[in-house]
PDB file of N, CA and C in Angstrom:
ATOM      1  N   LEU A   1     146.384  15.508 118.973  1.00  0.00           N
ATOM      2  CA  LEU A   1     145.178  15.424 118.163  1.00  0.00           C
ATOM      3  C   LEU A   1     144.668  16.799 117.760  1.00  0.00           C
ATOM      4  N   MET A   2     144.706  17.734 118.708  1.00  0.00           N
ATOM      5  CA  MET A   2     144.198  19.066 118.396  1.00  0.00           C
ATOM      6  C   MET A   2     145.074  19.759 117.355  1.00  0.00           C
ATOM      7  N   ALA A   3     146.390  19.621 117.474  1.00  0.00           N
ATOM      8  CA  ALA A   3     147.291  20.213 116.482  1.00  0.00           C
ATOM      9  C   ALA A   3     147.072  19.555 115.123  1.00  0.00           C
ATOM     10  N   ASP A   4     146.838  18.241 115.122  1.00  0.00           N
ATOM     11  CA  ASP A   4     146.570  17.535 113.870  1.00  0.00           C
ATOM     12  C   ASP A   4     145.291  18.033 113.209  1.00  0.00           C
ATOM     13  N   ALA A   5     144.358  18.547 114.034  1.00  0.00           N
ATOM     14  CA  ALA A   5     143.096  19.073 113.514  1.00  0.00           C
ATOM     15  C   ALA A   5     143.229  20.527 113.062  1.00  0.00           C
ATOM     16  N   GLY A   6     144.434  21.083 113.151  1.00  0.00           N
ATOM     17  CA  GLY A   6     144.667  22.442 112.690  1.00  0.00           C
ATOM     18  C   GLY A   6     144.432  23.521 113.728  1.00  0.00           C
ATOM     19  N   LEU A   7     144.238  23.128 114.974  1.00  0.00           N
ATOM     20  CA  LEU A   7     144.018  24.102 116.037  1.00  0.00           C
ATOM     21  C   LEU A   7     145.338  24.577 116.623  1.00  0.00           C
ATOM     22  N   ILE A   8     145.329  25.802 117.131  1.00  0.00           N
ATOM     23  CA  ILE A   8     146.480  26.305 117.875  1.00  0.00           C
ATOM     24  C   ILE A   8     146.326  25.801 119.298  1.00  0.00           C
ATOM     25  N   VAL A   9     147.299  25.061 119.771  1.00  0.00           N
ATOM     26  CA  VAL A   9     147.251  24.481 121.108  1.00  0.00           C
ATOM     27  C   VAL A   9     148.305  25.169 121.965  1.00  0.00           C
ATOM     28  N   ILE A  10     147.866  25.713 123.093  1.00  0.00           N
ATOM     29  CA  ILE A  10     148.798  26.351 124.017  1.00  0.00           C
ATOM     30  C   ILE A  10     148.874  25.492 125.266  1.00  0.00           C
ATOM     31  N   VAL A  11     150.075  25.070 125.594  1.00  0.00           N
ATOM     32  CA  VAL A  11     150.300  24.224 126.757  1.00  0.00           C
ATOM     33  C   VAL A  11     151.323  24.921 127.644  1.00  0.00           C
ATOM     34  N   SER A  12     151.023  25.006 128.915  1.00  0.00           N
ATOM     35  CA  SER A  12     151.924  25.660 129.857  1.00  0.00           C
ATOM     36  C   SER A  12     152.525  24.620 130.789  1.00  0.00           C
ATOM     37  N   PHE A  13     153.836  24.481 130.705  1.00  0.00           N
ATOM     38  CA  PHE A  13     154.551  23.545 131.564  1.00  0.00           C
ATOM     39  C   PHE A  13     155.710  24.260 132.242  1.00  0.00           C
ATOM     40  N   ILE A  14     156.037  23.831 133.441  1.00  0.00           N
ATOM     41  CA  ILE A  14     157.327  24.201 134.003  1.00  0.00           C
ATOM     42  C   ILE A  14     158.271  23.137 133.471  1.00  0.00           C
ATOM     43  N   SER A  15     159.088  23.519 132.532  1.00  0.00           N
ATOM     44  CA  SER A  15     160.019  22.589 131.889  1.00  0.00           C
ATOM     45  C   SER A  15     161.431  23.078 132.167  1.00  0.00           C
ATOM     46  N   PRO A  16     161.980  22.706 133.316  1.00  0.00           N
ATOM     47  CA  PRO A  16     163.245  23.295 133.734  1.00  0.00           C
ATOM     48  C   PRO A  16     164.479  22.811 132.985  1.00  0.00           C
ATOM     49  N   PHE A  17     164.359  21.714 132.254  1.00  0.00           N
ATOM     50  CA  PHE A  17     165.547  21.151 131.612  1.00  0.00           C
ATOM     51  C   PHE A  17     165.432  21.205 130.096  1.00  0.00           C
ATOM     52  N   SER A  18     166.509  21.622 129.438  1.00  0.00           N
ATOM     53  CA  SER A  18     166.499  21.744 127.984  1.00  0.00           C
ATOM     54  C   SER A  18     166.219  20.409 127.311  1.00  0.00           C
ATOM     55  N   ALA A  19     166.668  19.313 127.900  1.00  0.00           N
ATOM     56  CA  ALA A  19     166.419  17.992 127.302  1.00  0.00           C
ATOM     57  C   ALA A  19     164.923  17.685 127.244  1.00  0.00           C
ATOM     58  N   GLU A  20     164.183  18.080 128.273  1.00  0.00           N
ATOM     59  CA  GLU A  20     162.731  17.856 128.279  1.00  0.00           C
ATOM     60  C   GLU A  20     162.051  18.689 127.196  1.00  0.00           C
ATOM     61  N   ARG A  21     162.483  19.928 127.050  1.00  0.00           N
ATOM     62  CA  ARG A  21     161.889  20.791 126.027  1.00  0.00           C
ATOM     63  C   ARG A  21     162.228  20.273 124.631  1.00  0.00           C
ATOM     64  N   ARG A  22     163.448  19.790 124.454  1.00  0.00           N
ATOM     65  CA  ARG A  22     163.852  19.228 123.162  1.00  0.00           C
ATOM     66  C   ARG A  22     162.997  18.002 122.834  1.00  0.00           C
ATOM     67  N   MET A  23     162.741  17.156 123.835  1.00  0.00           N
ATOM     68  CA  MET A  23     161.916  15.965 123.625  1.00  0.00           C
ATOM     69  C   MET A  23     160.491  16.365 123.226  1.00  0.00           C
ATOM     70  N   ALA A  24     159.928  17.384 123.872  1.00  0.00           N
ATOM     71  CA  ALA A  24     158.584  17.848 123.521  1.00  0.00           C
ATOM     72  C   ALA A  24     158.554  18.359 122.086  1.00  0.00           C
ATOM     73  N   ARG A  25     159.593  19.100 121.686  1.00  0.00           N
ATOM     74  CA  ARG A  25     159.668  19.621 120.319  1.00  0.00           C
ATOM     75  C   ARG A  25     159.714  18.479 119.299  1.00  0.00           C
ATOM     76  N   GLU A  26     160.457  17.429 119.624  1.00  0.00           N
ATOM     77  CA  GLU A  26     160.611  16.306 118.693  1.00  0.00           C
ATOM     78  C   GLU A  26     159.316  15.521 118.503  1.00  0.00           C
ATOM     79  N   LEU A  27     158.364  15.661 119.421  1.00  0.00           N
ATOM     80  CA  LEU A  27     157.076  14.981 119.290  1.00  0.00           C
ATOM     81  C   LEU A  27     156.180  15.639 118.248  1.00  0.00           C
ATOM     82  N   MET A  28     156.499  16.873 117.888  1.00  0.00           N
ATOM     83  CA  MET A  28     155.662  17.643 116.976  1.00  0.00           C
ATOM     84  C   MET A  28     156.294  17.688 115.586  1.00  0.00           C
ATOM     85  N   ALA A  29     155.449  17.937 114.594  1.00  0.00           N
ATOM     86  CA  ALA A  29     155.941  18.111 113.226  1.00  0.00           C
ATOM     87  C   ALA A  29     156.687  19.442 113.135  1.00  0.00           C
ATOM     88  N   ASP A  30     157.550  19.571 112.137  1.00  0.00           N
ATOM     89  CA  ASP A  30     158.294  20.817 111.938  1.00  0.00           C
ATOM     90  C   ASP A  30     157.329  21.994 111.851  1.00  0.00           C
ATOM     91  N   GLY A  31     157.643  23.052 112.575  1.00  0.00           N
ATOM     92  CA  GLY A  31     156.831  24.251 112.541  1.00  0.00           C
ATOM     93  C   GLY A  31     155.638  24.257 113.475  1.00  0.00           C
ATOM     94  N   GLU A  32     155.362  23.139 114.129  1.00  0.00           N
ATOM     95  CA  GLU A  32     154.196  23.056 115.012  1.00  0.00           C
ATOM     96  C   GLU A  32     154.521  23.349 116.468  1.00  0.00           C
ATOM     97  N   PHE A  33     155.780  23.438 116.819  1.00  0.00           N
ATOM     98  CA  PHE A  33     156.180  23.675 118.205  1.00  0.00           C
ATOM     99  C   PHE A  33     156.812  25.053 118.296  1.00  0.00           C
ATOM    100  N   VAL A  34     156.247  25.881 119.134  1.00  0.00           N
ATOM    101  CA  VAL A  34     156.784  27.218 119.359  1.00  0.00           C
ATOM    102  C   VAL A  34     157.092  27.332 120.841  1.00  0.00           C
ATOM    103  N   GLU A  35     158.359  27.531 121.159  1.00  0.00           N
ATOM    104  CA  GLU A  35     158.745  27.697 122.555  1.00  0.00           C
ATOM    105  C   GLU A  35     158.623  29.170 122.930  1.00  0.00           C
ATOM    106  N   VAL A  36     157.789  29.433 123.933  1.00  0.00           N
ATOM    107  CA  VAL A  36     157.607  30.783 124.453  1.00  0.00           C
ATOM    108  C   VAL A  36     158.228  30.813 125.843  1.00  0.00           C
ATOM    109  N   TYR A  37     159.277  31.580 125.989  1.00  0.00           N
ATOM    110  CA  TYR A  37     159.974  31.702 127.265  1.00  0.00           C
ATOM    111  C   TYR A  37     159.410  32.915 127.995  1.00  0.00           C
ATOM    112  N   VAL A  38     158.646  32.664 129.041  1.00  0.00           N
ATOM    113  CA  VAL A  38     158.101  33.728 129.878  1.00  0.00           C
ATOM    114  C   VAL A  38     159.141  33.983 130.960  1.00  0.00           C
ATOM    115  N   ASP A  39     159.987  34.953 130.711  1.00  0.00           N
ATOM    116  CA  ASP A  39     161.184  35.225 131.508  1.00  0.00           C
ATOM    117  C   ASP A  39     160.848  36.178 132.654  1.00  0.00           C
ATOM    118  N   THR A  40     160.748  35.619 133.852  1.00  0.00           N
ATOM    119  CA  THR A  40     160.418  36.401 135.043  1.00  0.00           C
ATOM    120  C   THR A  40     161.470  36.123 136.105  1.00  0.00           C
ATOM    121  N   PRO A  41     162.078  37.155 136.664  1.00  0.00           N
ATOM    122  CA  PRO A  41     163.081  36.930 137.709  1.00  0.00           C
ATOM    123  C   PRO A  41     162.501  36.149 138.891  1.00  0.00           C
ATOM    124  N   PHE A  42     163.350  35.346 139.510  1.00  0.00           N
ATOM    125  CA  PHE A  42     162.942  34.517 140.641  1.00  0.00           C
ATOM    126  C   PHE A  42     162.228  35.348 141.709  1.00  0.00           C
ATOM    127  N   GLU A  43     162.791  36.498 142.047  1.00  0.00           N
ATOM    128  CA  GLU A  43     162.220  37.344 143.095  1.00  0.00           C
ATOM    129  C   GLU A  43     160.797  37.770 142.752  1.00  0.00           C
ATOM    130  N   GLU A  44     160.558  38.043 141.473  1.00  0.00           N
ATOM    131  CA  GLU A  44     159.219  38.444 141.041  1.00  0.00           C
ATOM    132  C   GLU A  44     158.261  37.262 141.094  1.00  0.00           C
ATOM    133  N   CYS A  45     158.721  36.078 140.722  1.00  0.00           N
ATOM    134  CA  CYS A  45     157.878  34.877 140.840  1.00  0.00           C
ATOM    135  C   CYS A  45     157.454  34.673 142.287  1.00  0.00           C
ATOM    136  N   ALA A  46     158.405  34.815 143.197  1.00  0.00           N
ATOM    137  CA  ALA A  46     158.107  34.639 144.624  1.00  0.00           C
ATOM    138  C   ALA A  46     157.127  35.702 145.101  1.00  0.00           C
ATOM    139  N   ARG A  47     157.291  36.930 144.639  1.00  0.00           N
ATOM    140  CA  ARG A  47     156.399  38.011 145.055  1.00  0.00           C
ATOM    141  C   ARG A  47     154.970  37.782 144.573  1.00  0.00           C
ATOM    142  N   ARG A  48     154.823  37.241 143.364  1.00  0.00           N
ATOM    143  CA  ARG A  48     153.494  37.021 142.772  1.00  0.00           C
ATOM    144  C   ARG A  48     152.825  35.741 143.263  1.00  0.00           C
ATOM    145  N   ASP A  49     153.529  34.897 143.966  1.00  0.00           N
ATOM    146  CA  ASP A  49     153.063  33.554 144.328  1.00  0.00           C
ATOM    147  C   ASP A  49     151.873  33.596 145.297  1.00  0.00           C
ATOM    148  N   PRO A  50     150.657  33.307 144.811  1.00  0.00           N
ATOM    149  CA  PRO A  50     149.479  33.386 145.684  1.00  0.00           C
ATOM    150  C   PRO A  50     149.380  32.231 146.685  1.00  0.00           C
ATOM    151  N   LYS A  51     150.066  31.140 146.428  1.00  0.00           N
ATOM    152  CA  LYS A  51     149.977  29.965 147.308  1.00  0.00           C
ATOM    153  C   LYS A  51     151.102  29.895 148.331  1.00  0.00           C
ATOM    154  N   GLY A  52     152.076  30.775 148.204  1.00  0.00           N
ATOM    155  CA  GLY A  52     153.183  30.766 149.149  1.00  0.00           C
ATOM    156  C   GLY A  52     154.153  29.616 148.960  1.00  0.00           C
ATOM    157  N   LEU A  53     154.170  29.022 147.772  1.00  0.00           N
ATOM    158  CA  LEU A  53     155.043  27.873 147.519  1.00  0.00           C
ATOM    159  C   LEU A  53     156.519  28.259 147.543  1.00  0.00           C
ATOM    160  N   TYR A  54     156.848  29.433 147.023  1.00  0.00           N
ATOM    161  CA  TYR A  54     158.251  29.861 147.028  1.00  0.00           C
ATOM    162  C   TYR A  54     158.756  30.018 148.457  1.00  0.00           C
ATOM    163  N   ALA A  55     157.955  30.647 149.306  1.00  0.00           N
ATOM    164  CA  ALA A  55     158.357  30.824 150.710  1.00  0.00           C
ATOM    165  C   ALA A  55     158.533  29.473 151.389  1.00  0.00           C
ATOM    166  N   ARG A  56     157.626  28.545 151.122  1.00  0.00           N
ATOM    167  CA  ARG A  56     157.734  27.212 151.718  1.00  0.00           C
ATOM    168  C   ARG A  56     158.981  26.491 151.219  1.00  0.00           C
ATOM    169  N   ALA A  57     159.285  26.629 149.927  1.00  0.00           N
ATOM    170  CA  ALA A  57     160.484  25.983 149.379  1.00  0.00           C
ATOM    171  C   ALA A  57     161.741  26.596 149.982  1.00  0.00           C
ATOM    172  N   LEU A  58     161.765  27.903 150.107  1.00  0.00           N
ATOM    173  CA  LEU A  58     162.930  28.575 150.691  1.00  0.00           C
ATOM    174  C   LEU A  58     163.121  28.207 152.157  1.00  0.00           C
ATOM    175  N   ASN A  59     162.034  27.851 152.839  1.00  0.00           N
ATOM    176  CA  ASN A  59     162.106  27.405 154.238  1.00  0.00           C
ATOM    177  C   ASN A  59     162.394  25.915 154.360  1.00  0.00           C
ATOM    178  N   GLY A  60     162.582  25.225 153.220  1.00  0.00           N
ATOM    179  CA  GLY A  60     162.899  23.802 153.243  1.00  0.00           C
ATOM    180  C   GLY A  60     161.703  22.890 153.377  1.00  0.00           C
ATOM    181  N   GLU A  61     160.492  23.430 153.282  1.00  0.00           N
ATOM    182  CA  GLU A  61     159.279  22.626 153.419  1.00  0.00           C
ATOM    183  C   GLU A  61     158.926  21.882 152.137  1.00  0.00           C
ATOM    184  N   ILE A  62     159.390  22.377 150.998  1.00  0.00           N
ATOM    185  CA  ILE A  62     159.146  21.732 149.706  1.00  0.00           C
ATOM    186  C   ILE A  62     160.505  21.441 149.082  1.00  0.00           C
ATOM    187  N   LYS A  63     160.720  20.199 148.704  1.00  0.00           N
ATOM    188  CA  LYS A  63     161.994  19.786 148.095  1.00  0.00           C
ATOM    189  C   LYS A  63     161.878  19.766 146.571  1.00  0.00           C
ATOM    190  N   ASN A  64     163.016  19.871 145.908  1.00  0.00           N
ATOM    191  CA  ASN A  64     163.108  19.819 144.446  1.00  0.00           C
ATOM    192  C   ASN A  64     162.243  20.886 143.781  1.00  0.00           C
ATOM    193  N   PHE A  65     162.273  22.068 144.333  1.00  0.00           N
ATOM    194  CA  PHE A  65     161.493  23.180 143.809  1.00  0.00           C
ATOM    195  C   PHE A  65     162.358  23.936 142.803  1.00  0.00           C
ATOM    196  N   THR A  66     161.856  24.075 141.590  1.00  0.00           N
ATOM    197  CA  THR A  66     162.610  24.724 140.525  1.00  0.00           C
ATOM    198  C   THR A  66     163.034  26.131 140.934  1.00  0.00           C
ATOM    199  N   GLY A  67     164.333  26.377 140.813  1.00  0.00           N
ATOM    200  CA  GLY A  67     164.892  27.678 141.139  1.00  0.00           C
ATOM    201  C   GLY A  67     165.362  27.815 142.575  1.00  0.00           C
ATOM    202  N   VAL A  68     164.983  26.860 143.436  1.00  0.00           N
ATOM    203  CA  VAL A  68     165.416  26.902 144.836  1.00  0.00           C
ATOM    204  C   VAL A  68     166.484  25.842 145.050  1.00  0.00           C
ATOM    205  N   ASP A  69     166.091  24.578 145.032  1.00  0.00           N
ATOM    206  CA  ASP A  69     167.077  23.506 145.197  1.00  0.00           C
ATOM    207  C   ASP A  69     167.083  22.553 144.003  1.00  0.00           C
ATOM    208  N   SER A  70     166.425  22.971 142.931  1.00  0.00           N
ATOM    209  CA  SER A  70     166.447  22.235 141.675  1.00  0.00           C
ATOM    210  C   SER A  70     166.722  23.265 140.579  1.00  0.00           C
ATOM    211  N   PRO A  71     167.643  22.967 139.659  1.00  0.00           N
ATOM    212  CA  PRO A  71     168.057  23.980 138.683  1.00  0.00           C
ATOM    213  C   PRO A  71     167.000  24.285 137.628  1.00  0.00           C
ATOM    214  N   TYR A  72     167.173  25.413 136.988  1.00  0.00           N
ATOM    215  CA  TYR A  72     166.375  25.790 135.830  1.00  0.00           C
ATOM    216  C   TYR A  72     167.340  26.171 134.719  1.00  0.00           C
ATOM    217  N   GLU A  73     167.215  25.504 133.592  1.00  0.00           N
ATOM    218  CA  GLU A  73     168.043  25.797 132.424  1.00  0.00           C
ATOM    219  C   GLU A  73     167.235  26.694 131.487  1.00  0.00           C
ATOM    220  N   ALA A  74     167.554  27.962 131.459  1.00  0.00           N
ATOM    221  CA  ALA A  74     166.822  28.905 130.614  1.00  0.00           C
ATOM    222  C   ALA A  74     166.969  28.512 129.148  1.00  0.00           C
ATOM    223  N   PRO A  75     165.906  28.653 128.365  1.00  0.00           N
ATOM    224  CA  PRO A  75     166.001  28.349 126.937  1.00  0.00           C
ATOM    225  C   PRO A  75     167.046  29.238 126.266  1.00  0.00           C
ATOM    226  N   GLU A  76     167.822  28.641 125.381  1.00  0.00           N
ATOM    227  CA  GLU A  76     168.861  29.399 124.682  1.00  0.00           C
ATOM    228  C   GLU A  76     168.326  30.095 123.441  1.00  0.00           C
ATOM    229  N   THR A  77     167.393  29.441 122.740  1.00  0.00           N
ATOM    230  CA  THR A  77     166.873  30.018 121.497  1.00  0.00           C
ATOM    231  C   THR A  77     165.360  29.808 121.378  1.00  0.00           C
ATOM    232  N   PRO A  78     164.584  30.361 122.305  1.00  0.00           N
ATOM    233  CA  PRO A  78     163.128  30.216 122.165  1.00  0.00           C
ATOM    234  C   PRO A  78     162.640  31.034 120.968  1.00  0.00           C
ATOM    235  N   GLU A  79     161.561  30.593 120.360  1.00  0.00           N
ATOM    236  CA  GLU A  79     160.990  31.372 119.265  1.00  0.00           C
ATOM    237  C   GLU A  79     160.487  32.728 119.778  1.00  0.00           C
ATOM    238  N   VAL A  80     159.918  32.733 120.972  1.00  0.00           N
ATOM    239  CA  VAL A  80     159.397  33.963 121.571  1.00  0.00           C
ATOM    240  C   VAL A  80     159.987  34.097 122.971  1.00  0.00           C
ATOM    241  N   HIS A  81     160.552  35.257 123.273  1.00  0.00           N
ATOM    242  CA  HIS A  81     161.136  35.515 124.592  1.00  0.00           C
ATOM    243  C   HIS A  81     160.409  36.720 125.183  1.00  0.00           C
ATOM    244  N   LEU A  82     159.532  36.460 126.159  1.00  0.00           N
ATOM    245  CA  LEU A  82     158.775  37.524 126.813  1.00  0.00           C
ATOM    246  C   LEU A  82     159.446  37.873 128.131  1.00  0.00           C
ATOM    247  N   ARG A  83     159.958  39.073 128.215  1.00  0.00           N
ATOM    248  CA  ARG A  83     160.574  39.560 129.461  1.00  0.00           C
ATOM    249  C   ARG A  83     159.497  40.311 130.232  1.00  0.00           C
ATOM    250  N   THR A  84     159.033  39.727 131.330  1.00  0.00           N
ATOM    251  CA  THR A  84     157.834  40.217 131.998  1.00  0.00           C
ATOM    252  C   THR A  84     158.054  41.344 132.987  1.00  0.00           C
ATOM    253  N   LEU A  85     159.250  41.530 133.466  1.00  0.00           N
ATOM    254  CA  LEU A  85     159.495  42.505 134.523  1.00  0.00           C
ATOM    255  C   LEU A  85     159.047  43.902 134.091  1.00  0.00           C
ATOM    256  N   GLY A  86     158.147  44.484 134.862  1.00  0.00           N
ATOM    257  CA  GLY A  86     157.650  45.820 134.574  1.00  0.00           C
ATOM    258  C   GLY A  86     156.603  45.884 133.488  1.00  0.00           C
ATOM    259  N   LYS A  87     156.126  44.738 133.029  1.00  0.00           N
ATOM    260  CA  LYS A  87     155.129  44.718 131.964  1.00  0.00           C
ATOM    261  C   LYS A  87     153.855  44.046 132.466  1.00  0.00           C
ATOM    262  N   SER A  88     152.743  44.445 131.885  1.00  0.00           N
ATOM    263  CA  SER A  88     151.451  43.871 132.266  1.00  0.00           C
ATOM    264  C   SER A  88     151.186  42.591 131.477  1.00  0.00           C
ATOM    265  N   ALA A  89     150.233  41.821 131.963  1.00  0.00           N
ATOM    266  CA  ALA A  89     149.814  40.613 131.244  1.00  0.00           C
ATOM    267  C   ALA A  89     149.311  40.989 129.853  1.00  0.00           C
ATOM    268  N   GLU A  90     148.609  42.111 129.751  1.00  0.00           N
ATOM    269  CA  GLU A  90     148.087  42.559 128.457  1.00  0.00           C
ATOM    270  C   GLU A  90     149.221  42.836 127.467  1.00  0.00           C
ATOM    271  N   GLU A  91     150.303  43.430 127.953  1.00  0.00           N
ATOM    272  CA  GLU A  91     151.454  43.693 127.082  1.00  0.00           C
ATOM    273  C   GLU A  91     152.073  42.390 126.591  1.00  0.00           C
ATOM    274  N   MET A  92     152.108  41.384 127.441  1.00  0.00           N
ATOM    275  CA  MET A  92     152.669  40.092 127.044  1.00  0.00           C
ATOM    276  C   MET A  92     151.782  39.426 125.991  1.00  0.00           C
ATOM    277  N   VAL A  93     150.459  39.498 126.185  1.00  0.00           N
ATOM    278  CA  VAL A  93     149.525  38.942 125.198  1.00  0.00           C
ATOM    279  C   VAL A  93     149.680  39.680 123.874  1.00  0.00           C
ATOM    280  N   ASP A  94     149.775  41.003 123.932  1.00  0.00           N
ATOM    281  CA  ASP A  94     149.961  41.783 122.701  1.00  0.00           C
ATOM    282  C   ASP A  94     151.232  41.362 121.969  1.00  0.00           C
ATOM    283  N   ALA A  95     152.314  41.153 122.711  1.00  0.00           N
ATOM    284  CA  ALA A  95     153.580  40.742 122.093  1.00  0.00           C
ATOM    285  C   ALA A  95     153.445  39.381 121.425  1.00  0.00           C
ATOM    286  N   LEU A  96     152.754  38.463 122.073  1.00  0.00           N
ATOM    287  CA  LEU A  96     152.571  37.131 121.489  1.00  0.00           C
ATOM    288  C   LEU A  96     151.657  37.198 120.270  1.00  0.00           C
ATOM    289  N   GLU A  97     150.591  37.983 120.347  1.00  0.00           N
ATOM    290  CA  GLU A  97     149.713  38.158 119.187  1.00  0.00           C
ATOM    291  C   GLU A  97     150.482  38.770 118.016  1.00  0.00           C
ATOM    292  N   HIS A  98     151.331  39.746 118.304  1.00  0.00           N
ATOM    293  CA  HIS A  98     152.152  40.370 117.259  1.00  0.00           C
ATOM    294  C   HIS A  98     153.039  39.324 116.587  1.00  0.00           C
ATOM    295  N   TRP A  99     153.668  38.470 117.390  1.00  0.00           N
ATOM    296  CA  TRP A  99     154.529  37.420 116.850  1.00  0.00           C
ATOM    297  C   TRP A  99     153.721  36.494 115.940  1.00  0.00           C
ATOM    298  N   LEU A 100     152.519  36.101 116.379  1.00  0.00           N
ATOM    299  CA  LEU A 100     151.666  35.227 115.569  1.00  0.00           C
ATOM    300  C   LEU A 100     151.278  35.910 114.260  1.00  0.00           C
ATOM    301  N   ASN A 101     150.886  37.169 114.341  1.00  0.00           N
ATOM    302  CA  ASN A 101     150.462  37.899 113.144  1.00  0.00           C
ATOM    303  C   ASN A 101     151.603  38.100 112.158  1.00  0.00           C
ATOM    304  N   GLU A 102     152.818  38.312 112.655  1.00  0.00           N
ATOM    305  CA  GLU A 102     153.978  38.452 111.767  1.00  0.00           C
ATOM    306  C   GLU A 102     154.212  37.191 110.947  1.00  0.00           C
ATOM    307  N   ARG A 103     153.773  36.078 111.438  1.00  0.00           N
ATOM    308  CA  ARG A 103     153.971  34.800 110.756  1.00  0.00           C
ATOM    309  C   ARG A 103     152.723  34.352 110.013  1.00  0.00           C
ATOM    310  N   ASP A 104     151.819  35.292 109.789  1.00  0.00           N
ATOM    311  CA  ASP A 104     150.601  35.039 109.014  1.00  0.00           C
ATOM    312  C   ASP A 104     149.730  33.940 109.590  1.00  0.00           C
ATOM    313  N   ILE A 105     149.706  33.834 110.901  1.00  0.00           N
ATOM    314  CA  ILE A 105     148.739  32.939 111.524  1.00  0.00           C
ATOM    315  C   ILE A 105     147.456  33.742 111.600  1.00  0.00           C
ATOM    316  N   ALA A 106     146.421  33.236 110.938  1.00  0.00           N
ATOM    317  CA  ALA A 106     145.183  33.997 110.764  1.00  0.00           C
ATOM    318  C   ALA A 106     144.595  34.430 112.101  1.00  0.00           C
ATOM    319  N   GLU A 107     144.160  35.705 112.152  1.00  0.00           N
ATOM    320  CA  GLU A 107     143.573  36.224 113.383  1.00  0.00           C
ATOM    321  C   GLU A 107     142.324  35.463 113.780  1.00  0.00           C
ATOM    322  N   ASP A 108     141.616  34.892 112.810  1.00  0.00           N
ATOM    323  CA  ASP A 108     140.391  34.171 113.162  1.00  0.00           C
ATOM    324  C   ASP A 108     140.682  32.834 113.842  1.00  0.00           C
ATOM    325  N   GLN A 109     141.960  32.486 114.002  1.00  0.00           N
ATOM    326  CA  GLN A 109     142.309  31.252 114.697  1.00  0.00           C
ATOM    327  C   GLN A 109     142.440  31.459 116.193  1.00  0.00           C
ATOM    328  N   TYR A 110     142.388  32.697 116.640  1.00  0.00           N
ATOM    329  CA  TYR A 110     142.440  32.943 118.075  1.00  0.00           C
ATOM    330  C   TYR A 110     141.523  34.104 118.406  1.00  0.00           C
ATOM    331  N   ASP A 111     141.162  34.210 119.661  1.00  0.00           N
ATOM    332  CA  ASP A 111     140.251  35.239 120.142  1.00  0.00           C
ATOM    333  C   ASP A 111     141.044  36.484 120.490  1.00  0.00           C
ATOM    334  N   SER A 112     141.107  37.436 119.563  1.00  0.00           N
ATOM    335  CA  SER A 112     141.897  38.634 119.822  1.00  0.00           C
ATOM    336  C   SER A 112     141.210  39.578 120.798  1.00  0.00           C
ATOM    337  N   GLY A 113     139.955  39.352 121.094  1.00  0.00           N
ATOM    338  CA  GLY A 113     139.252  40.195 122.053  1.00  0.00           C
ATOM    339  C   GLY A 113     139.620  39.889 123.481  1.00  0.00           C
ATOM    340  N   GLY A 114     139.799  38.638 123.810  1.00  0.00           N
ATOM    341  CA  GLY A 114     140.085  38.258 125.189  1.00  0.00           C
ATOM    342  C   GLY A 114     141.471  37.720 125.360  1.00  0.00           C
ATOM    343  N   GLY A 115     142.313  37.954 124.397  1.00  0.00           N
ATOM    344  CA  GLY A 115     143.657  37.394 124.483  1.00  0.00           C
ATOM    345  C   GLY A 115     143.702  36.058 123.782  1.00  0.00           C
ATOM    346  N   ILE A 116     144.810  35.431 123.930  1.00  0.00           N
ATOM    347  CA  ILE A 116     145.010  34.149 123.258  1.00  0.00           C
ATOM    348  C   ILE A 116     144.662  33.055 124.221  1.00  0.00           C
TER     349      ILE A 116
END
């Protein structure tokens, strides 16, 4: 509904399988789905984990955890590929804003002061 109203909708999912991402893309009209691959090495995800879920999964306390005992199929052709290692959150936001601006998505459609 929000996309139909002309709004930019950002949804964050752990979508480990390409078939699931393809299905999500097919639900949207052409040009309305932009896959942003936030590419972070497993070790860095575990290091940043404030809830300790990675450690629990590695200890066998959590089953079917993506990247531990459940696979992750990296996107082959995402529209945006953000490689996070060694970069700040601000740099990632800047990269995404740059991508949006290159495609003439009006700046007044997002809050450039506080990020997207």
